[in-house]
Amino acid sequence: MSIFFKDDISIIYHGKFENLINDLSFNFIITDPPYNINYKYPDYKDKMKNEDYIKLLSNLKNYKVIMIQYPEAFMNIINKSLGNVEKLVSWCYNSNLPKQFRLIGWFNTKPDFNLVKQPYKDPKDKRNIKLINNGSNGARLYDWWNDINLVKGHTKDKDKSFTNQIPIELLERIILLTTKKDDIILDPFFGSGSLYFACKNTGRKCIGIEQSIKHLDCFKNRLKKV
């Protein structure tokens, strides 16, 4: 395990998280793990036996975890790895993919939906007008999000050498709903580093662990653009 990058916001390691996680100090885990669907990643295999995948993710069981995954994985894999989920949110998006949404699950922690507001559905309603006049910034957030889209090829912060890039805005929302300023957040499947930028924008600290050096190079490319 070696340090790939370090600054006042983060420390990023190159290696496998299961070899390091017990030696780290952090408050939350927010992650979007490889989906174990035999996707052709450049320098590691995305296909383990189900029992091995469950065992891998079980290394996260005793922590406060927020995980992004597909519904089938939550039903068949994640619950066996992490136990009972405290809260589920549907993240829905427009795409040409067969799957049009993923779930976001909170384990050993819960979001506070009052911490992020959304516009009132009917701003002309008398009750909402009164609330707005009294200084309200909007309604509490629902558990069905359709206002954050996938990072697509034409998106300005898209790194074309990396697939399945999680939107920074999505991670910012999860962070604001769940954590406090200066909390340390770990992503054991760091990928191209979207969590780094979300933590920087929200005043949190970040630890990243990533086994693919090519994915870490994507992160450095994104840093250069910033």
Protein backbone atom coordinates (compact mmCIF):
# COMPACT_ATOMS: atom_id res chain seq x y z
CA MET A 1 0.00 0.00 0.00
CA SER A 2 1.49 3.35 -1.05
CA ILE A 3 0.42 6.97 -0.87
CA PHE A 4 -0.50 8.19 -4.35
CA PHE A 5 -1.55 11.74 -3.53
CA LYS A 6 -1.83 13.98 -0.47
CA ASP A 7 -2.92 17.54 0.21
CA ASP A 8 -4.76 19.50 2.92
CA ILE A 9 -8.08 17.90 1.90
CA SER A 10 -7.14 14.30 1.29
CA ILE A 11 -4.81 11.37 1.40
CA ILE A 12 -5.17 8.87 -1.46
CA TYR A 13 -3.73 5.36 -1.37
CA HIS A 14 -2.97 2.94 -4.19
CA GLY A 15 -3.87 -0.59 -3.15
CA LYS A 16 -6.70 -2.78 -1.85
CA PHE A 17 -8.81 -1.30 0.90
CA GLU A 18 -9.10 -4.50 2.95
CA ASN A 19 -5.36 -4.29 3.68
CA LEU A 20 -5.59 -0.78 5.15
CA ILE A 21 -9.05 0.07 6.43
CA ASN A 22 -8.51 -1.13 10.00
CA ASP A 23 -5.55 1.24 10.38
CA LEU A 24 -7.42 4.36 9.28
CA SER A 25 -9.42 6.90 11.26
CA PHE A 26 -12.55 8.33 9.62
CA ASN A 27 -16.21 9.17 10.35
CA PHE A 28 -18.14 7.83 7.34
CA ILE A 29 -17.76 5.72 4.22
CA ILE A 30 -19.40 6.90 1.00
CA THR A 31 -18.76 4.61 -1.93
CA ASP A 32 -19.87 3.28 -5.30
CA PRO A 33 -18.14 -0.12 -5.49
CA PRO A 34 -17.43 -2.14 -8.63
CA TYR A 35 -20.67 -3.96 -9.40
CA ASN A 36 -19.13 -7.41 -9.92
CA ILE A 37 -20.75 -7.73 -13.35
CA ASN A 38 -17.62 -8.63 -15.34
CA TYR A 39 -17.14 -5.11 -16.65
CA LYS A 40 -13.88 -4.84 -18.57
CA TYR A 41 -11.87 -2.55 -16.34
CA PRO A 42 -8.35 -1.84 -17.64
CA ASP A 43 -6.25 -3.45 -14.90
CA TYR A 44 -8.41 -5.59 -12.63
CA LYS A 45 -11.15 -8.16 -12.97
CA ASP A 46 -14.72 -7.22 -12.05
CA LYS A 47 -16.01 -10.73 -11.45
CA MET A 48 -15.74 -12.60 -8.18
CA LYS A 49 -17.78 -15.46 -6.83
CA ASN A 50 -20.79 -14.04 -4.98
CA GLU A 51 -19.56 -15.38 -1.67
CA ASP A 52 -16.17 -13.70 -2.20
CA TYR A 53 -17.83 -10.41 -3.17
CA ILE A 54 -20.00 -10.55 -0.05
CA LYS A 55 -16.93 -11.28 2.06
CA LEU A 56 -15.08 -8.34 0.51
CA LEU A 57 -17.86 -5.85 1.24
CA SER A 58 -18.28 -7.31 4.74
CA ASN A 59 -15.07 -5.48 5.66
CA LEU A 60 -17.27 -2.35 5.78
CA LYS A 61 -19.95 -3.81 8.06
CA ASN A 62 -19.05 -2.09 11.35
CA TYR A 63 -18.79 1.41 9.90
CA LYS A 64 -21.25 4.15 8.97
CA VAL A 65 -21.66 3.42 5.28
CA ILE A 66 -23.56 5.11 2.47
CA MET A 67 -23.47 2.95 -0.65
CA ILE A 68 -24.65 3.50 -4.23
CA GLN A 69 -25.71 0.32 -6.02
CA TYR A 70 -28.38 -1.28 -8.19
CA PRO A 71 -31.54 -2.67 -6.51
CA GLU A 72 -30.72 -6.31 -7.24
CA ALA A 73 -27.39 -5.96 -5.48
CA PHE A 74 -29.05 -4.49 -2.38
CA MET A 75 -31.49 -7.40 -2.27
CA ASN A 76 -29.01 -10.21 -2.97
CA ILE A 77 -25.56 -9.00 -1.91
CA ILE A 78 -25.37 -5.80 0.12
CA ASN A 79 -27.76 -6.86 2.88
CA LYS A 80 -25.67 -10.00 3.41
CA SER A 81 -22.52 -7.89 3.62
CA LEU A 82 -23.65 -4.90 5.68
CA GLY A 83 -26.82 -6.02 7.45
CA ASN A 84 -30.05 -4.04 7.69
CA VAL A 85 -30.32 -0.77 5.81
CA GLU A 86 -31.45 2.31 7.76
CA LYS A 87 -32.66 4.32 4.76
CA LEU A 88 -32.98 3.90 0.99
CA VAL A 89 -33.22 6.64 -1.63
CA SER A 90 -33.97 6.14 -5.33
CA TRP A 91 -31.61 8.07 -7.62
CA CYS A 92 -33.37 8.26 -11.01
CA TYR A 93 -31.84 9.58 -14.23
CA ASN A 94 -32.43 9.80 -17.97
CA SER A 95 -30.11 7.62 -20.02
CA ASN A 96 -30.02 5.13 -22.87
CA LEU A 97 -29.09 2.37 -20.43
CA PRO A 98 -31.52 -0.45 -19.61
CA LYS A 99 -31.38 0.53 -15.94
CA GLN A 100 -32.78 3.98 -15.15
CA PHE A 101 -32.11 4.24 -11.42
CA ARG A 102 -29.88 3.14 -8.58
CA LEU A 103 -30.43 2.98 -4.86
CA ILE A 104 -28.49 4.85 -2.20
CA GLY A 105 -28.45 3.01 1.12
CA TRP A 106 -27.50 4.22 4.59
CA PHE A 107 -26.10 1.61 7.01
CA ASN A 108 -25.50 2.33 10.73
CA THR A 109 -26.46 5.95 10.07
CA LYS A 110 -29.37 8.00 8.73
CA PRO A 111 -29.72 11.13 6.59
CA ASP A 112 -31.50 14.23 7.83
CA PHE A 113 -33.72 15.33 4.94
CA ASN A 114 -34.27 18.73 6.55
CA LEU A 115 -30.64 19.69 5.90
CA VAL A 116 -31.11 20.03 2.13
CA LYS A 117 -34.10 21.85 0.72
CA GLN A 118 -35.86 21.55 -2.63
CA PRO A 119 -38.21 24.03 -4.35
CA TYR A 120 -41.86 23.81 -3.38
CA LYS A 121 -43.86 21.89 -5.96
CA ASP A 122 -46.55 24.56 -5.87
CA PRO A 123 -44.99 27.92 -4.96
CA LYS A 124 -48.37 29.62 -5.50
CA ASP A 125 -50.05 27.61 -2.76
CA LYS A 126 -51.04 29.97 0.07
CA ARG A 127 -49.29 27.85 2.70
CA ASN A 128 -46.08 27.80 0.69
CA ILE A 129 -46.26 31.53 0.00
CA LYS A 130 -46.47 32.11 3.74
CA LEU A 131 -43.50 29.85 4.38
CA ILE A 132 -41.44 31.59 1.68
CA ASN A 133 -42.33 35.02 3.08
CA ASN A 134 -41.16 33.82 6.49
CA GLY A 135 -37.76 32.95 5.05
CA SER A 136 -38.15 29.29 4.07
CA ASN A 137 -35.69 28.08 1.43
CA GLY A 138 -37.92 25.24 0.28
CA ALA A 139 -39.42 21.91 1.28
CA ARG A 140 -37.56 19.05 2.95
CA LEU A 141 -35.93 16.68 0.49
CA TYR A 142 -37.82 13.58 -0.63
CA ASP A 143 -36.41 10.06 -0.92
CA TRP A 144 -36.78 10.02 -4.72
CA TRP A 145 -34.20 12.12 -6.59
CA ASN A 146 -34.57 12.83 -10.29
CA ASP A 147 -32.81 16.18 -10.52
CA ILE A 148 -29.22 14.88 -10.77
CA ASN A 149 -28.27 13.21 -14.04
CA LEU A 150 -25.51 10.81 -14.97
CA VAL A 151 -22.14 12.22 -15.98
CA LYS A 152 -22.28 11.85 -19.75
CA GLY A 153 -19.72 12.32 -22.49
CA HIS A 154 -20.64 15.95 -23.14
CA THR A 155 -20.57 16.91 -19.45
CA LYS A 156 -17.78 19.40 -18.73
CA ASP A 157 -16.29 17.48 -15.77
CA LYS A 158 -16.39 14.10 -17.55
CA ASP A 159 -13.06 12.29 -17.83
CA LYS A 160 -13.37 10.40 -21.10
CA SER A 161 -10.95 7.69 -19.98
CA PHE A 162 -13.18 6.69 -17.05
CA THR A 163 -16.62 5.07 -17.11
CA ASN A 164 -19.35 5.15 -14.46
CA GLN A 165 -18.23 8.49 -13.04
CA ILE A 166 -20.47 9.44 -10.10
CA PRO A 167 -21.77 13.04 -10.23
CA ILE A 168 -20.06 15.35 -7.76
CA GLU A 169 -23.45 16.96 -7.07
CA LEU A 170 -24.89 13.62 -5.95
CA LEU A 171 -22.05 13.06 -3.49
CA GLU A 172 -22.37 16.63 -2.20
CA ARG A 173 -26.03 16.01 -1.41
CA ILE A 174 -25.27 12.77 0.43
CA ILE A 175 -22.51 14.52 2.37
CA LEU A 176 -24.71 17.46 3.38
CA LEU A 177 -27.55 15.17 4.47
CA THR A 178 -25.36 12.93 6.59
CA THR A 179 -22.10 14.45 7.79
CA LYS A 180 -20.75 17.49 9.61
CA LYS A 181 -18.14 19.99 8.51
CA ASP A 182 -14.57 18.69 8.94
CA ASP A 183 -15.75 15.05 9.09
CA ILE A 184 -13.41 12.59 7.39
CA ILE A 185 -15.02 10.48 4.66
CA LEU A 186 -13.48 7.33 3.22
CA ASP A 187 -14.08 5.93 -0.25
CA PRO A 188 -12.51 2.45 -0.43
CA PHE A 189 -13.31 2.30 -4.17
CA PHE A 190 -12.05 5.77 -5.05
CA GLY A 191 -12.22 5.45 -8.84
CA SER A 192 -11.64 8.78 -10.59
CA GLY A 193 -12.04 10.72 -7.34
CA SER A 194 -15.46 12.40 -7.43
CA LEU A 195 -15.57 12.22 -3.62
CA TYR A 196 -12.46 14.39 -3.41
CA PHE A 197 -14.15 17.24 -5.25
CA ALA A 198 -17.40 16.82 -3.28
CA CYS A 199 -15.48 16.99 0.02
CA LYS A 200 -13.54 20.03 -1.14
CA ASN A 201 -16.78 21.82 -2.04
CA THR A 202 -18.49 20.99 1.27
CA GLY A 203 -15.66 21.50 3.77
CA ARG A 204 -14.98 17.84 4.56
CA LYS A 205 -11.83 15.71 4.51
CA CYS A 206 -11.33 12.69 2.29
CA ILE A 207 -9.44 9.39 2.32
CA GLY A 208 -9.41 7.42 -0.91
CA ILE A 209 -8.23 3.90 -1.67
CA GLU A 210 -8.05 2.63 -5.25
CA GLN A 211 -6.44 -0.52 -6.64
CA SER A 212 -6.32 0.68 -10.27
CA ILE A 213 -3.42 2.98 -11.09
CA LYS A 214 -5.18 3.92 -14.33
CA HIS A 215 -8.19 5.15 -12.39
CA LEU A 216 -5.90 7.16 -10.14
CA ASP A 217 -4.35 8.71 -13.24
CA CYS A 218 -7.89 9.77 -14.23
CA PHE A 219 -8.14 11.51 -10.86
CA LYS A 220 -4.91 13.40 -11.51
CA ASN A 221 -6.21 14.45 -14.92
CA ARG A 222 -9.35 15.84 -13.28
CA LEU A 223 -7.21 17.73 -10.77
CA LYS A 224 -5.27 19.35 -13.60
CA LYS A 225 -8.49 20.56 -15.22
CA VAL A 226 -9.59 22.16 -11.95
